[in-house]
Amino acid sequence: MEEFYIRVKAPFAGYRYFQAGNYRITMPTMPHSAAYGLVLNLAGIEMRTGKDNVATLIKKPTLDFQWDSQENIPVLKIALGEICEPGKNSIYQQLHTYPVGNSSSHLAEGTKGAKYHILPTRREFLVNLDVIIGIKSEVAGFQERITDVLSGKYDSNRYGLPFAGDNNYLIDFIEIIEKPTETTFWYYPVQPEEIPETETFRLTIGIDRQNNHLTTMPVFAKTVDKSPAPPESAWVWTPSVLGSKFEKETL
């Protein structure tokens, strides 16, 4: 199994849960599902399907991925590390909501056809994101493929620039490395009977866009001490959704 690492730095980032309300929090770091999407984008692999439908879906993951496949995406083992803990801040934003029934319809005439049901919303974001993404792949030549795409040797159909959660938070540093050169805190899934020594939170490792209740978002904790290499418990099959053959080993 091929193993390599990618260091990613961004001045601002935001990875939000599925949530409603006037205060939108962010996950404390880049989740595995976002790391996976970034890695596929760097490799020039289109993961979207159903682009003409109401909901954009994701292709079926497989261990038997072939580079010329148009129907599948590769399953990867991903370890996520944090060189330093990012800061957290928030910003106000105008949020357009869809009123129920005739709610606020008396405002429509005054806006002359423009959006009228707008409320101020507060959104959290991360400051100075600096993470290490560990990748283990059964697909031969995965690291070389990313290197070729980044150097312009491969004519891929990637869409847009790589971003850090929100598409207005751009990444300013990407480096492919054989092994981490900095000691790192690593995130690992908490076991059912475990009492972790650090703070816990949920990170998404597989998102089902059609049936959100099938999205996999286990509880994670951060290692107490930094280490140059991820512990075995930090390697997680990604993507993983409830009911998939990768779920049991992941959870």
Protein backbone atom coordinates (compact mmCIF):
# COMPACT_ATOMS: atom_id res chain seq x y z
CA MET A 1 0.00 0.00 0.00
CA GLU A 2 1.46 3.34 -1.09
CA GLU A 3 1.88 5.89 1.73
CA PHE A 4 2.65 9.61 1.51
CA TYR A 5 1.64 12.89 3.14
CA ILE A 6 0.42 16.34 2.13
CA ARG A 7 0.91 19.46 4.23
CA VAL A 8 -1.80 22.10 3.78
CA LYS A 9 -1.81 25.67 5.10
CA ALA A 10 -4.55 28.27 4.78
CA PRO A 11 -4.97 31.65 6.50
CA PHE A 12 -8.71 31.05 6.90
CA ALA A 13 -10.88 27.92 6.78
CA GLY A 14 -14.41 26.85 7.65
CA TYR A 15 -15.76 23.29 7.89
CA ARG A 16 -19.38 23.39 9.00
CA TYR A 17 -21.76 20.73 10.21
CA PHE A 18 -25.20 20.34 8.66
CA GLN A 19 -26.99 22.95 10.73
CA ALA A 20 -29.60 25.68 10.76
CA GLY A 21 -30.00 28.77 12.91
CA ASN A 22 -28.39 32.17 13.18
CA TYR A 23 -25.07 30.91 14.57
CA ARG A 24 -23.13 28.46 12.40
CA ILE A 25 -20.18 26.75 14.09
CA THR A 26 -17.17 25.18 12.40
CA MET A 27 -15.45 21.88 13.06
CA PRO A 28 -12.16 22.46 14.92
CA THR A 29 -10.06 21.25 11.99
CA MET A 30 -10.27 19.90 8.45
CA PRO A 31 -12.42 16.73 8.58
CA HIS A 32 -11.49 13.53 6.75
CA SER A 33 -14.26 14.01 4.18
CA ALA A 34 -12.86 17.43 3.20
CA ALA A 35 -9.29 16.08 3.13
CA TYR A 36 -10.49 13.29 0.84
CA GLY A 37 -12.19 15.75 -1.52
CA LEU A 38 -9.05 17.89 -1.64
CA VAL A 39 -6.83 14.87 -2.41
CA LEU A 40 -9.12 13.76 -5.24
CA ASN A 41 -9.17 17.27 -6.67
CA LEU A 42 -5.36 17.39 -6.59
CA ALA A 43 -5.32 14.03 -8.40
CA GLY A 44 -7.74 15.25 -11.05
CA ILE A 45 -10.44 12.73 -10.09
CA GLU A 46 -14.03 13.89 -10.54
CA MET A 47 -16.05 12.62 -7.58
CA ARG A 48 -19.41 14.22 -8.42
CA THR A 49 -22.30 12.57 -10.18
CA GLY A 50 -25.91 13.60 -10.65
CA LYS A 51 -24.74 17.12 -11.46
CA ASP A 52 -28.00 17.80 -13.33
CA ASN A 53 -30.16 16.66 -10.41
CA VAL A 54 -31.48 18.69 -7.50
CA ALA A 55 -28.75 17.24 -5.26
CA THR A 56 -25.17 16.68 -6.44
CA LEU A 57 -24.27 13.09 -5.52
CA ILE A 58 -20.97 11.27 -5.05
CA LYS A 59 -19.73 8.34 -7.12
CA LYS A 60 -19.47 4.87 -5.59
CA PRO A 61 -16.20 4.27 -3.69
CA THR A 62 -14.22 1.12 -4.44
CA LEU A 63 -10.91 -0.50 -3.56
CA ASP A 64 -10.56 -1.66 -7.18
CA PHE A 65 -10.33 1.82 -8.66
CA GLN A 66 -8.80 2.24 -12.11
CA TRP A 67 -7.48 5.55 -13.41
CA ASP A 68 -9.74 5.48 -16.46
CA SER A 69 -12.88 4.80 -14.39
CA GLN A 70 -15.78 7.22 -14.84
CA GLU A 71 -18.15 5.45 -12.44
CA ASN A 72 -16.11 5.00 -9.25
CA ILE A 73 -13.79 6.82 -6.88
CA PRO A 74 -10.97 5.26 -4.83
CA VAL A 75 -11.22 4.41 -1.15
CA LEU A 76 -8.25 5.78 0.79
CA LYS A 77 -6.96 5.43 4.32
CA ILE A 78 -6.51 8.94 5.67
CA ALA A 79 -4.78 10.13 8.84
CA LEU A 80 -5.32 13.72 9.85
CA GLY A 81 -2.79 15.67 11.91
CA GLU A 82 -2.49 19.21 13.17
CA ILE A 83 0.90 20.88 13.49
CA CYS A 84 -0.54 23.72 15.56
CA GLU A 85 -4.07 24.39 16.78
CA PRO A 86 -5.83 27.00 14.62
CA GLY A 87 -7.50 30.03 16.11
CA LYS A 88 -11.23 30.56 15.86
CA ASN A 89 -13.21 33.69 15.07
CA SER A 90 -16.59 34.64 13.62
CA ILE A 91 -18.08 37.03 11.11
CA TYR A 92 -21.56 38.34 10.43
CA GLN A 93 -23.16 37.61 7.09
CA GLN A 94 -26.49 38.34 5.47
CA LEU A 95 -28.31 35.03 5.06
CA HIS A 96 -31.19 34.64 2.64
CA THR A 97 -33.81 32.23 4.02
CA TYR A 98 -36.94 30.84 2.45
CA PRO A 99 -40.06 31.90 4.37
CA VAL A 100 -42.78 29.41 5.17
CA GLY A 101 -46.21 30.30 3.81
CA ASN A 102 -46.89 34.04 3.84
CA SER A 103 -44.29 34.79 6.50
CA SER A 104 -42.78 38.25 5.89
CA SER A 105 -44.58 38.50 2.55
CA HIS A 106 -45.48 42.11 3.44
CA LEU A 107 -41.80 42.96 2.86
CA ALA A 108 -41.75 41.70 -0.72
CA GLU A 109 -43.32 44.76 -2.34
CA GLY A 110 -40.73 47.13 -0.87
CA THR A 111 -37.80 45.20 -2.33
CA LYS A 112 -39.21 45.33 -5.88
CA GLY A 113 -38.49 41.69 -6.75
CA ALA A 114 -35.20 41.35 -4.87
CA LYS A 115 -34.64 38.97 -1.96
CA TYR A 116 -36.60 40.18 1.02
CA HIS A 117 -36.27 37.52 3.71
CA ILE A 118 -32.69 38.27 4.81
CA LEU A 119 -31.39 37.87 8.36
CA PRO A 120 -27.96 38.55 9.89
CA THR A 121 -26.12 35.31 10.65
CA ARG A 122 -22.91 34.73 12.57
CA ARG A 123 -20.50 32.17 11.10
CA GLU A 124 -17.38 30.77 12.75
CA PHE A 125 -14.13 30.27 10.85
CA LEU A 126 -10.65 28.95 11.60
CA VAL A 127 -7.49 31.09 11.47
CA ASN A 128 -4.05 29.78 10.40
CA LEU A 129 -4.92 26.21 9.47
CA ASP A 130 -1.79 24.01 9.28
CA VAL A 131 -2.56 20.31 8.83
CA ILE A 132 -0.92 17.12 7.62
CA ILE A 133 -2.98 14.67 5.54
CA GLY A 134 -1.64 11.12 5.55
CA ILE A 135 -2.70 8.98 2.58
CA LYS A 136 -2.52 5.22 2.16
CA SER A 137 -3.71 3.99 -1.22
CA GLU A 138 -4.16 0.63 -2.90
CA VAL A 139 -4.01 2.46 -6.24
CA ALA A 140 -0.52 2.35 -7.73
CA GLY A 141 1.02 5.69 -8.64
CA PHE A 142 -1.32 7.90 -6.60
CA GLN A 143 1.43 10.22 -5.35
CA GLU A 144 2.95 10.48 -8.81
CA ARG A 145 -0.46 11.33 -10.24
CA ILE A 146 -0.90 14.26 -7.83
CA THR A 147 2.62 15.50 -8.57
CA ASP A 148 1.91 15.40 -12.31
CA VAL A 149 -1.39 17.26 -11.94
CA LEU A 150 0.16 19.98 -9.77
CA SER A 151 3.08 20.42 -12.18
CA GLY A 152 0.76 20.73 -15.17
CA LYS A 153 1.90 17.50 -16.85
CA TYR A 154 -1.60 16.01 -16.72
CA ASP A 155 -4.52 17.64 -18.50
CA SER A 156 -7.17 17.09 -15.83
CA ASN A 157 -10.73 18.36 -15.63
CA ARG A 158 -10.49 19.72 -12.11
CA TYR A 159 -13.04 22.34 -11.17
CA GLY A 160 -11.92 25.60 -9.56
CA LEU A 161 -9.12 26.27 -7.10
CA PRO A 162 -8.56 24.10 -4.01
CA PHE A 163 -10.27 25.76 -1.06
CA ALA A 164 -10.44 25.29 2.69
CA GLY A 165 -14.07 24.45 3.35
CA ASP A 166 -15.73 27.60 2.02
CA ASN A 167 -14.95 28.46 -1.59
CA ASN A 168 -13.84 31.97 -0.55
CA TYR A 169 -11.16 30.55 1.79
CA LEU A 170 -8.28 29.63 -0.50
CA ILE A 171 -5.30 27.44 0.36
CA ASP A 172 -1.93 29.19 0.07
CA PHE A 173 0.47 26.26 0.66
CA ILE A 174 0.44 22.63 -0.49
CA GLU A 175 3.47 20.37 -0.18
CA ILE A 176 3.76 16.64 -0.90
CA ILE A 177 6.16 14.90 1.47
CA GLU A 178 7.28 11.30 1.97
CA LYS A 179 7.16 11.54 5.78
CA PRO A 180 6.11 14.33 8.17
CA THR A 181 9.07 16.48 9.16
CA GLU A 182 7.27 18.16 12.07
CA THR A 183 5.85 16.59 15.20
CA THR A 184 2.07 16.57 14.97
CA PHE A 185 -1.09 16.04 16.99
CA TRP A 186 -3.15 13.27 15.34
CA TYR A 187 -6.91 12.71 15.39
CA TYR A 188 -8.28 9.24 16.06
CA PRO A 189 -11.81 7.75 16.44
CA VAL A 190 -12.80 7.27 20.09
CA GLN A 191 -13.70 3.67 20.97
CA PRO A 192 -17.04 2.91 22.73
CA GLU A 193 -15.59 2.28 26.22
CA GLU A 194 -12.71 4.75 25.95
CA ILE A 195 -12.42 7.86 28.14
CA PRO A 196 -10.10 10.13 26.15
CA GLU A 197 -7.75 12.59 27.84
CA THR A 198 -8.40 15.37 25.33
CA GLU A 199 -11.48 17.19 24.07
CA THR A 200 -13.81 15.21 21.78
CA PHE A 201 -15.85 16.31 18.79
CA ARG A 202 -17.36 14.84 15.63
CA LEU A 203 -15.69 14.88 12.22
CA THR A 204 -17.29 13.73 8.97
CA ILE A 205 -15.61 10.82 7.18
CA GLY A 206 -18.34 10.08 4.66
CA ILE A 207 -21.24 12.27 3.47
CA ASP A 208 -24.39 10.90 1.88
CA ARG A 209 -25.88 13.84 0.01
CA GLN A 210 -29.11 12.04 -0.84
CA ASN A 211 -29.83 10.60 2.63
CA ASN A 212 -28.15 12.76 5.22
CA HIS A 213 -28.95 10.32 8.04
CA LEU A 214 -26.44 7.93 6.43
CA THR A 215 -23.60 10.43 6.78
CA THR A 216 -20.85 9.01 9.02
CA MET A 217 -19.58 11.39 11.70
CA PRO A 218 -17.91 9.49 14.57
CA VAL A 219 -16.45 11.01 17.72
CA PHE A 220 -12.75 11.92 17.46
CA ALA A 221 -10.12 12.95 19.98
CA LYS A 222 -6.64 14.38 19.56
CA THR A 223 -3.54 12.57 20.76
CA VAL A 224 -2.13 13.89 24.04
CA ASP A 225 1.40 14.18 22.68
CA LYS A 226 2.83 15.12 19.31
CA SER A 227 4.57 12.51 17.18
CA PRO A 228 6.18 12.59 13.73
CA ALA A 229 4.12 9.65 12.43
CA PRO A 230 0.41 8.91 12.97
CA PRO A 231 -0.52 6.06 15.33
CA GLU A 232 -2.26 3.12 13.71
CA SER A 233 -5.57 4.17 15.28
CA ALA A 234 -5.48 7.45 13.32
CA TRP A 235 -5.79 5.74 9.91
CA VAL A 236 -9.44 5.84 8.80
CA TRP A 237 -11.09 4.42 5.68
CA THR A 238 -12.44 7.39 3.73
CA PRO A 239 -15.10 7.87 2.50
CA SER A 240 -17.17 5.72 4.83
CA VAL A 241 -20.96 5.88 5.08
CA LEU A 242 -23.33 3.89 7.26
CA GLY A 243 -24.01 0.49 5.77
CA SER A 244 -20.85 0.41 3.64
CA LYS A 245 -18.33 -2.43 3.80
CA PHE A 246 -15.74 0.06 5.16
CA GLU A 247 -17.91 1.16 8.10
CA LYS A 248 -17.10 -1.68 10.49
CA GLU A 249 -13.32 -1.16 10.40
CA THR A 250 -13.71 2.62 10.58
CA LEU A 251 -16.03 2.70 13.56
